[in-house]
């Protein structure tokens, strides 16, 4: 929707413009409408983050269904925060130089930790408007296979991979399931591994991972992880997701 000498709409996919003018346009007067057409507009993405006044989009899908599995798309800043093309300062993309799709990400301190299937990368802010972000590889042998398993709690970011559960403090990546090293291989349906979903409970310093048992087509169990005591247990609850909610209450003036 736009306004000016009239009001109307623009179809950004086709460029079709419709305008209702506030006053009659005199015969012979030119009507000039300008806009910037973005090639391959983004239709959807795996995840979107607000990072230093820019939108950072992971694994975008462009018009026509073309997926870029290792792409980090970066917008401009300020008035250009919804522009992803070159005329917006700093806008553009970074393709992760490794195999495997981007599986999930979460902030850890000042960085965005990005988990691919086999690696962990940190997207770091440079404080430079021309090149606002750089990539730094944190691990080349561990990764995640479940987008909703990547969570940060107490400055530690965890992710679930088919070889095991991993965790990073933003500097190093290591296994966090040494007490249950075969859990992922023996207890989780690898064909439905992407259903694994993690969430923390702040008051208890606990992390929960919902997962499907072998042969199950949906999450049927919860792996309980205590960050304080470094122990594990299993709850037999078939939950699909976890999160916070706010209870409405009357406001006293």
C-alpha atoms as a PDB file:
ATOM      1  CA  UNK A   1       0.000   0.000   0.000  1.00  0.00           C
ATOM      2  CA  UNK A   2       1.285   3.492  -0.780  1.00  0.00           C
ATOM      3  CA  UNK A   3       0.016   7.056  -0.499  1.00  0.00           C
ATOM      4  CA  UNK A   4       0.917  10.353  -2.162  1.00  0.00           C
ATOM      5  CA  UNK A   5      -1.174  12.100  -4.806  1.00  0.00           C
ATOM      6  CA  UNK A   6      -3.498   9.179  -4.330  1.00  0.00           C
ATOM      7  CA  UNK A   7      -3.652   5.769  -2.748  1.00  0.00           C
ATOM      8  CA  UNK A   8      -3.397   2.261  -4.072  1.00  0.00           C
ATOM      9  CA  UNK A   9      -1.523  -0.991  -4.098  1.00  0.00           C
ATOM     10  CA  UNK A  10       1.548  -2.578  -5.710  1.00  0.00           C
ATOM     11  CA  UNK A  11       1.843  -6.272  -6.404  1.00  0.00           C
ATOM     12  CA  UNK A  12       5.525  -6.773  -5.627  1.00  0.00           C
ATOM     13  CA  UNK A  13       5.573 -10.154  -7.352  1.00  0.00           C
ATOM     14  CA  UNK A  14       4.370  -8.835 -10.735  1.00  0.00           C
ATOM     15  CA  UNK A  15       4.824  -5.054 -10.548  1.00  0.00           C
ATOM     16  CA  UNK A  16       1.121  -4.423 -11.243  1.00  0.00           C
ATOM     17  CA  UNK A  17       0.091  -1.030  -9.819  1.00  0.00           C
ATOM     18  CA  UNK A  18      -3.408   0.272  -9.060  1.00  0.00           C
ATOM     19  CA  UNK A  19      -3.970   3.941  -8.091  1.00  0.00           C
ATOM     20  CA  UNK A  20      -6.974   6.033  -7.070  1.00  0.00           C
ATOM     21  CA  UNK A  21      -6.007   9.715  -7.374  1.00  0.00           C
ATOM     22  CA  UNK A  22      -7.281  12.346  -4.946  1.00  0.00           C
ATOM     23  CA  UNK A  23      -7.909  14.759  -7.840  1.00  0.00           C
ATOM     24  CA  UNK A  24      -8.503  14.479 -11.543  1.00  0.00           C
ATOM     25  CA  UNK A  25      -5.328  14.257 -13.578  1.00  0.00           C
ATOM     26  CA  UNK A  26      -5.308  16.812 -16.386  1.00  0.00           C
ATOM     27  CA  UNK A  27      -5.170  15.540 -19.958  1.00  0.00           C
ATOM     28  CA  UNK A  28      -1.623  15.288 -21.214  1.00  0.00           C
ATOM     29  CA  UNK A  29      -0.049  15.370 -17.761  1.00  0.00           C
ATOM     30  CA  UNK A  30       2.470  12.607 -17.200  1.00  0.00           C
ATOM     31  CA  UNK A  31       1.945  10.158 -14.349  1.00  0.00           C
ATOM     32  CA  UNK A  32       5.266   8.942 -12.990  1.00  0.00           C
ATOM     33  CA  UNK A  33       5.426   6.056 -10.568  1.00  0.00           C
ATOM     34  CA  UNK A  34       8.795   4.736  -9.445  1.00  0.00           C
ATOM     35  CA  UNK A  35       9.683   1.735  -7.352  1.00  0.00           C
ATOM     36  CA  UNK A  36      12.498  -0.740  -6.995  1.00  0.00           C
ATOM     37  CA  UNK A  37      11.809  -4.276  -8.163  1.00  0.00           C
ATOM     38  CA  UNK A  38      13.710  -6.886  -6.157  1.00  0.00           C
ATOM     39  CA  UNK A  39      14.832  -9.849  -8.225  1.00  0.00           C
ATOM     40  CA  UNK A  40      13.934 -13.202  -6.715  1.00  0.00           C
ATOM     41  CA  UNK A  41      11.828 -11.856  -3.829  1.00  0.00           C
ATOM     42  CA  UNK A  42      11.897 -13.983  -0.691  1.00  0.00           C
ATOM     43  CA  UNK A  43       8.767 -16.065  -0.150  1.00  0.00           C
ATOM     44  CA  UNK A  44       9.661 -17.819   3.070  1.00  0.00           C
ATOM     45  CA  UNK A  45      12.643 -18.874   5.189  1.00  0.00           C
ATOM     46  CA  UNK A  46      13.699 -21.242   7.937  1.00  0.00           C
ATOM     47  CA  UNK A  47      14.270 -18.495  10.555  1.00  0.00           C
ATOM     48  CA  UNK A  48      14.347 -14.692  10.779  1.00  0.00           C
ATOM     49  CA  UNK A  49      16.357 -12.686  13.334  1.00  0.00           C
ATOM     50  CA  UNK A  50      16.579  -9.004  14.232  1.00  0.00           C
ATOM     51  CA  UNK A  51      20.337  -8.483  14.519  1.00  0.00           C
ATOM     52  CA  UNK A  52      21.878  -5.027  15.000  1.00  0.00           C
ATOM     53  CA  UNK A  53      18.962  -3.213  13.305  1.00  0.00           C
ATOM     54  CA  UNK A  54      19.023  -5.602  10.341  1.00  0.00           C
ATOM     55  CA  UNK A  55      16.923  -8.569   9.355  1.00  0.00           C
ATOM     56  CA  UNK A  56      18.968 -11.746   9.050  1.00  0.00           C
ATOM     57  CA  UNK A  57      17.161 -14.502   7.153  1.00  0.00           C
ATOM     58  CA  UNK A  58      18.388 -18.085   7.185  1.00  0.00           C
ATOM     59  CA  UNK A  59      17.773 -20.597   4.392  1.00  0.00           C
ATOM     60  CA  UNK A  60      15.497 -18.412   2.232  1.00  0.00           C
ATOM     61  CA  UNK A  61      13.125 -19.670  -0.427  1.00  0.00           C
ATOM     62  CA  UNK A  62      12.731 -17.325  -3.393  1.00  0.00           C
ATOM     63  CA  UNK A  63       9.833 -16.907  -5.802  1.00  0.00           C
ATOM     64  CA  UNK A  64       9.383 -20.076  -7.795  1.00  0.00           C
ATOM     65  CA  UNK A  65      10.401 -22.320  -4.900  1.00  0.00           C
ATOM     66  CA  UNK A  66      14.186 -22.032  -5.232  1.00  0.00           C
ATOM     67  CA  UNK A  67      15.767 -22.840  -1.864  1.00  0.00           C
ATOM     68  CA  UNK A  68      19.259 -21.702  -0.857  1.00  0.00           C
ATOM     69  CA  UNK A  69      20.051 -24.176   1.929  1.00  0.00           C
ATOM     70  CA  UNK A  70      23.260 -22.526   3.184  1.00  0.00           C
ATOM     71  CA  UNK A  71      22.381 -18.868   2.600  1.00  0.00           C
ATOM     72  CA  UNK A  72      22.323 -16.051   5.161  1.00  0.00           C
ATOM     73  CA  UNK A  73      20.362 -13.140   3.668  1.00  0.00           C
ATOM     74  CA  UNK A  74      21.056  -9.706   5.214  1.00  0.00           C
ATOM     75  CA  UNK A  75      18.948  -6.555   4.918  1.00  0.00           C
ATOM     76  CA  UNK A  76      19.953  -2.921   4.994  1.00  0.00           C
ATOM     77  CA  UNK A  77      19.573  -0.864   8.147  1.00  0.00           C
ATOM     78  CA  UNK A  78      17.353   1.979   9.288  1.00  0.00           C
ATOM     79  CA  UNK A  79      14.930   2.985   6.516  1.00  0.00           C
ATOM     80  CA  UNK A  80      16.360   0.146   4.397  1.00  0.00           C
ATOM     81  CA  UNK A  81      15.763  -2.616   6.929  1.00  0.00           C
ATOM     82  CA  UNK A  82      13.351  -4.381   4.567  1.00  0.00           C
ATOM     83  CA  UNK A  83      15.684  -4.146   1.536  1.00  0.00           C
ATOM     84  CA  UNK A  84      17.905  -7.099   0.689  1.00  0.00           C
ATOM     85  CA  UNK A  85      19.520  -5.737  -2.485  1.00  0.00           C
ATOM     86  CA  UNK A  86      22.739  -3.891  -3.173  1.00  0.00           C
ATOM     87  CA  UNK A  87      21.490  -0.293  -3.011  1.00  0.00           C
ATOM     88  CA  UNK A  88      20.769  -0.731   0.711  1.00  0.00           C
ATOM     89  CA  UNK A  89      24.070  -0.250   2.609  1.00  0.00           C
ATOM     90  CA  UNK A  90      25.405  -3.604   3.794  1.00  0.00           C
ATOM     91  CA  UNK A  91      22.578  -5.620   2.247  1.00  0.00           C
ATOM     92  CA  UNK A  92      23.377  -8.876   0.528  1.00  0.00           C
ATOM     93  CA  UNK A  93      24.036 -12.474   1.477  1.00  0.00           C
ATOM     94  CA  UNK A  94      26.646 -14.878   2.790  1.00  0.00           C
ATOM     95  CA  UNK A  95      26.692 -18.520   1.704  1.00  0.00           C
ATOM     96  CA  UNK A  96      28.183 -20.829   4.318  1.00  0.00           C
ATOM     97  CA  UNK A  97      31.189 -22.536   2.647  1.00  0.00           C
ATOM     98  CA  UNK A  98      30.440 -26.111   3.684  1.00  0.00           C
ATOM     99  CA  UNK A  99      28.089 -28.932   2.881  1.00  0.00           C
ATOM    100  CA  UNK A 100      24.851 -29.512   4.741  1.00  0.00           C
ATOM    101  CA  UNK A 101      21.762 -27.363   5.130  1.00  0.00           C
ATOM    102  CA  UNK A 102      21.293 -24.705   7.802  1.00  0.00           C
ATOM    103  CA  UNK A 103      19.286 -26.405  10.553  1.00  0.00           C
ATOM    104  CA  UNK A 104      18.789 -23.746  13.211  1.00  0.00           C
ATOM    105  CA  UNK A 105      20.305 -20.817  15.071  1.00  0.00           C
ATOM    106  CA  UNK A 106      20.196 -18.918  18.343  1.00  0.00           C
ATOM    107  CA  UNK A 107      21.967 -15.928  19.853  1.00  0.00           C
ATOM    108  CA  UNK A 108      24.881 -16.547  22.192  1.00  0.00           C
ATOM    109  CA  UNK A 109      26.145 -13.349  23.789  1.00  0.00           C
ATOM    110  CA  UNK A 110      26.798 -10.936  20.876  1.00  0.00           C
ATOM    111  CA  UNK A 111      26.908 -13.591  18.136  1.00  0.00           C
ATOM    112  CA  UNK A 112      24.357 -15.630  16.243  1.00  0.00           C
ATOM    113  CA  UNK A 113      25.357 -19.305  16.406  1.00  0.00           C
ATOM    114  CA  UNK A 114      24.233 -21.114  13.260  1.00  0.00           C
ATOM    115  CA  UNK A 115      24.024 -24.912  13.196  1.00  0.00           C
ATOM    116  CA  UNK A 116      24.269 -26.768   9.894  1.00  0.00           C
ATOM    117  CA  UNK A 117      23.952 -30.530   9.624  1.00  0.00           C
ATOM    118  CA  UNK A 118      27.664 -31.045  10.331  1.00  0.00           C
ATOM    119  CA  UNK A 119      29.118 -27.708  11.481  1.00  0.00           C
ATOM    120  CA  UNK A 120      28.636 -24.812  13.872  1.00  0.00           C
ATOM    121  CA  UNK A 121      29.295 -21.221  12.755  1.00  0.00           C
ATOM    122  CA  UNK A 122      29.187 -17.833  14.479  1.00  0.00           C
ATOM    123  CA  UNK A 123      27.802 -14.806  12.637  1.00  0.00           C
ATOM    124  CA  UNK A 124      29.667 -11.857  14.128  1.00  0.00           C
ATOM    125  CA  UNK A 125      28.824  -8.158  13.916  1.00  0.00           C
ATOM    126  CA  UNK A 126      31.688  -6.008  12.586  1.00  0.00           C
ATOM    127  CA  UNK A 127      30.304  -2.512  13.312  1.00  0.00           C
ATOM    128  CA  UNK A 128      30.969  -1.758   9.631  1.00  0.00           C
ATOM    129  CA  UNK A 129      27.976  -0.655   7.544  1.00  0.00           C
ATOM    130  CA  UNK A 130      29.532  -1.890   4.301  1.00  0.00           C
ATOM    131  CA  UNK A 131      30.383  -5.389   5.588  1.00  0.00           C
ATOM    132  CA  UNK A 132      28.203  -5.706   8.696  1.00  0.00           C
ATOM    133  CA  UNK A 133      28.795  -9.409   9.444  1.00  0.00           C
ATOM    134  CA  UNK A 134      31.488 -12.043   9.094  1.00  0.00           C
ATOM    135  CA  UNK A 135      31.402 -15.813   9.600  1.00  0.00           C
ATOM    136  CA  UNK A 136      33.645 -17.710  11.987  1.00  0.00           C
ATOM    137  CA  UNK A 137      33.731 -21.498  12.079  1.00  0.00           C
ATOM    138  CA  UNK A 138      33.383 -22.974  15.573  1.00  0.00           C
ATOM    139  CA  UNK A 139      33.327 -26.686  14.799  1.00  0.00           C
ATOM    140  CA  UNK A 140      33.670 -28.799  11.681  1.00  0.00           C
ATOM    141  CA  UNK A 141      32.464 -32.186  12.905  1.00  0.00           C
ATOM    142  CA  UNK A 142      29.319 -31.571  14.971  1.00  0.00           C
ATOM    143  CA  UNK A 143      25.984 -30.129  13.956  1.00  0.00           C
ATOM    144  CA  UNK A 144      22.218 -30.344  14.355  1.00  0.00           C
ATOM    145  CA  UNK A 145      19.429 -32.047  12.429  1.00  0.00           C
ATOM    146  CA  UNK A 146      16.458 -30.489  14.265  1.00  0.00           C
ATOM    147  CA  UNK A 147      15.774 -26.744  13.716  1.00  0.00           C
ATOM    148  CA  UNK A 148      13.674 -26.322  16.858  1.00  0.00           C
ATOM    149  CA  UNK A 149      16.234 -28.018  19.082  1.00  0.00           C
ATOM    150  CA  UNK A 150      18.663 -25.086  18.893  1.00  0.00           C
ATOM    151  CA  UNK A 151      18.211 -23.037  22.070  1.00  0.00           C
ATOM    152  CA  UNK A 152      20.397 -20.784  24.217  1.00  0.00           C
ATOM    153  CA  UNK A 153      20.207 -20.794  27.983  1.00  0.00           C
ATOM    154  CA  UNK A 154      22.699 -19.431  30.530  1.00  0.00           C
ATOM    155  CA  UNK A 155      25.080 -18.476  27.679  1.00  0.00           C
ATOM    156  CA  UNK A 156      25.101 -22.045  26.410  1.00  0.00           C
ATOM    157  CA  UNK A 157      23.572 -23.005  23.086  1.00  0.00           C
ATOM    158  CA  UNK A 158      22.494 -26.593  22.513  1.00  0.00           C
ATOM    159  CA  UNK A 159      21.383 -28.506  19.449  1.00  0.00           C
ATOM    160  CA  UNK A 160      20.299 -32.063  18.704  1.00  0.00           C
ATOM    161  CA  UNK A 161      22.252 -34.005  16.109  1.00  0.00           C
ATOM    162  CA  UNK A 162      21.845 -37.574  14.943  1.00  0.00           C
ATOM    163  CA  UNK A 163      25.216 -38.412  16.486  1.00  0.00           C
ATOM    164  CA  UNK A 164      24.386 -36.828  19.839  1.00  0.00           C
ATOM    165  CA  UNK A 165      23.412 -33.721  21.779  1.00  0.00           C
ATOM    166  CA  UNK A 166      25.911 -30.860  21.508  1.00  0.00           C
ATOM    167  CA  UNK A 167      26.399 -27.602  23.358  1.00  0.00           C
ATOM    168  CA  UNK A 168      28.498 -24.463  22.839  1.00  0.00           C
ATOM    169  CA  UNK A 169      29.530 -21.599  25.084  1.00  0.00           C
ATOM    170  CA  UNK A 170      30.171 -19.474  22.003  1.00  0.00           C
ATOM    171  CA  UNK A 171      33.822 -20.491  21.879  1.00  0.00           C
ATOM    172  CA  UNK A 172      33.930 -24.284  21.844  1.00  0.00           C
ATOM    173  CA  UNK A 173      31.503 -27.022  20.818  1.00  0.00           C
ATOM    174  CA  UNK A 174      31.300 -30.314  22.698  1.00  0.00           C
ATOM    175  CA  UNK A 175      28.999 -33.216  23.484  1.00  0.00           C
ATOM    176  CA  UNK A 176      26.618 -32.646  26.390  1.00  0.00           C
ATOM    177  CA  UNK A 177      25.336 -36.221  26.611  1.00  0.00           C
ATOM    178  CA  UNK A 178      28.406 -38.078  27.840  1.00  0.00           C
ATOM    179  CA  UNK A 179      26.294 -39.751  30.530  1.00  0.00           C
ATOM    180  CA  UNK A 180      23.844 -41.008  27.891  1.00  0.00           C
ATOM    181  CA  UNK A 181      26.080 -41.319  24.799  1.00  0.00           C
ATOM    182  CA  UNK A 182      23.763 -43.676  22.872  1.00  0.00           C
ATOM    183  CA  UNK A 183      20.496 -41.928  23.688  1.00  0.00           C
ATOM    184  CA  UNK A 184      19.993 -40.239  20.303  1.00  0.00           C
ATOM    185  CA  UNK A 185      20.885 -43.401  18.358  1.00  0.00           C
ATOM    186  CA  UNK A 186      18.762 -45.780  20.448  1.00  0.00           C
ATOM    187  CA  UNK A 187      15.814 -43.715  21.700  1.00  0.00           C
ATOM    188  CA  UNK A 188      14.927 -41.249  18.914  1.00  0.00           C
ATOM    189  CA  UNK A 189      13.246 -42.010  15.587  1.00  0.00           C
ATOM    190  CA  UNK A 190      15.880 -40.842  13.118  1.00  0.00           C
ATOM    191  CA  UNK A 191      13.360 -40.619  10.280  1.00  0.00           C
ATOM    192  CA  UNK A 192      11.399 -38.021  12.286  1.00  0.00           C
ATOM    193  CA  UNK A 193      14.413 -36.383  13.921  1.00  0.00           C
ATOM    194  CA  UNK A 194      13.384 -32.905  12.770  1.00  0.00           C
ATOM    195  CA  UNK A 195      10.447 -33.008  15.214  1.00  0.00           C
ATOM    196  CA  UNK A 196      12.802 -32.713  18.201  1.00  0.00           C
ATOM    197  CA  UNK A 197      12.021 -29.488  20.026  1.00  0.00           C
ATOM    198  CA  UNK A 198      13.829 -27.947  23.014  1.00  0.00           C
ATOM    199  CA  UNK A 199      12.762 -25.396  25.589  1.00  0.00           C
ATOM    200  CA  UNK A 200      14.113 -24.162  28.886  1.00  0.00           C
ATOM    201  CA  UNK A 201      12.389 -23.581  32.222  1.00  0.00           C
ATOM    202  CA  UNK A 202      14.215 -20.653  33.776  1.00  0.00           C
ATOM    203  CA  UNK A 203      13.120 -21.019  37.392  1.00  0.00           C
ATOM    204  CA  UNK A 204      14.604 -24.527  37.607  1.00  0.00           C
ATOM    205  CA  UNK A 205      17.613 -24.133  35.279  1.00  0.00           C
ATOM    206  CA  UNK A 206      16.259 -27.044  33.269  1.00  0.00           C
ATOM    207  CA  UNK A 207      16.085 -27.861  29.567  1.00  0.00           C
ATOM    208  CA  UNK A 208      13.498 -30.145  28.010  1.00  0.00           C
ATOM    209  CA  UNK A 209      13.704 -31.897  24.634  1.00  0.00           C
ATOM    210  CA  UNK A 210      10.531 -33.293  23.105  1.00  0.00           C
ATOM    211  CA  UNK A 211      11.291 -36.211  20.797  1.00  0.00           C
ATOM    212  CA  UNK A 212       9.673 -39.139  18.937  1.00  0.00           C
ATOM    213  CA  UNK A 213      10.430 -42.666  20.067  1.00  0.00           C
ATOM    214  CA  UNK A 214      11.568 -45.212  17.474  1.00  0.00           C
ATOM    215  CA  UNK A 215       8.662 -45.944  15.095  1.00  0.00           C
ATOM    216  CA  UNK A 216       6.662 -42.968  16.452  1.00  0.00           C
ATOM    217  CA  UNK A 217       5.465 -40.338  13.959  1.00  0.00           C
ATOM    218  CA  UNK A 218       5.148 -37.555  16.528  1.00  0.00           C
ATOM    219  CA  UNK A 219       6.811 -36.522  19.775  1.00  0.00           C
ATOM    220  CA  UNK A 220       5.973 -39.023  22.500  1.00  0.00           C
ATOM    221  CA  UNK A 221       8.641 -38.444  25.170  1.00  0.00           C
ATOM    222  CA  UNK A 222      10.515 -35.603  26.893  1.00  0.00           C
ATOM    223  CA  UNK A 223      14.191 -35.744  27.793  1.00  0.00           C
ATOM    224  CA  UNK A 224      14.737 -33.707  30.951  1.00  0.00           C
ATOM    225  CA  UNK A 225      18.181 -32.095  31.331  1.00  0.00           C
ATOM    226  CA  UNK A 226      19.259 -30.414  34.559  1.00  0.00           C
ATOM    227  CA  UNK A 227      21.933 -27.773  33.956  1.00  0.00           C
ATOM    228  CA  UNK A 228      22.634 -27.495  37.701  1.00  0.00           C
ATOM    229  CA  UNK A 229      23.036 -31.192  38.459  1.00  0.00           C
ATOM    230  CA  UNK A 230      24.100 -32.378  34.986  1.00  0.00           C
ATOM    231  CA  UNK A 231      21.707 -35.298  34.949  1.00  0.00           C
ATOM    232  CA  UNK A 232      18.927 -36.639  32.735  1.00  0.00           C
ATOM    233  CA  UNK A 233      15.548 -38.325  33.025  1.00  0.00           C
ATOM    234  CA  UNK A 234      12.626 -39.135  30.734  1.00  0.00           C
ATOM    235  CA  UNK A 235       9.000 -38.036  30.989  1.00  0.00           C
ATOM    236  CA  UNK A 236       6.309 -40.004  29.172  1.00  0.00           C
ATOM    237  CA  UNK A 237       4.339 -37.039  27.817  1.00  0.00           C
ATOM    238  CA  UNK A 238       3.347 -36.699  24.119  1.00  0.00           C
ATOM    239  CA  UNK A 239       3.786 -32.926  23.696  1.00  0.00           C
ATOM    240  CA  UNK A 240       4.355 -31.218  20.347  1.00  0.00           C
ATOM    241  CA  UNK A 241       5.858 -27.934  21.567  1.00  0.00           C
ATOM    242  CA  UNK A 242       6.648 -25.867  24.651  1.00  0.00           C
ATOM    243  CA  UNK A 243       6.746 -22.126  25.302  1.00  0.00           C
ATOM    244  CA  UNK A 244       5.705 -19.215  27.482  1.00  0.00           C
ATOM    245  CA  UNK A 245       2.368 -17.480  27.647  1.00  0.00           C
ATOM    246  CA  UNK A 246       1.021 -14.348  29.316  1.00  0.00           C
ATOM    247  CA  UNK A 247      -2.163 -14.362  31.387  1.00  0.00           C
ATOM    248  CA  UNK A 248      -4.255 -11.241  30.852  1.00  0.00           C
ATOM    249  CA  UNK A 249      -5.159  -9.249  33.926  1.00  0.00           C
ATOM    250  CA  UNK A 250      -7.104  -6.097  34.694  1.00  0.00           C
ATOM    251  CA  UNK A 251      -5.023  -2.896  34.842  1.00  0.00           C
ATOM    252  CA  UNK A 252      -5.468  -0.700  37.922  1.00  0.00           C
ATOM    253  CA  UNK A 253      -5.078   2.985  37.061  1.00  0.00           C
END
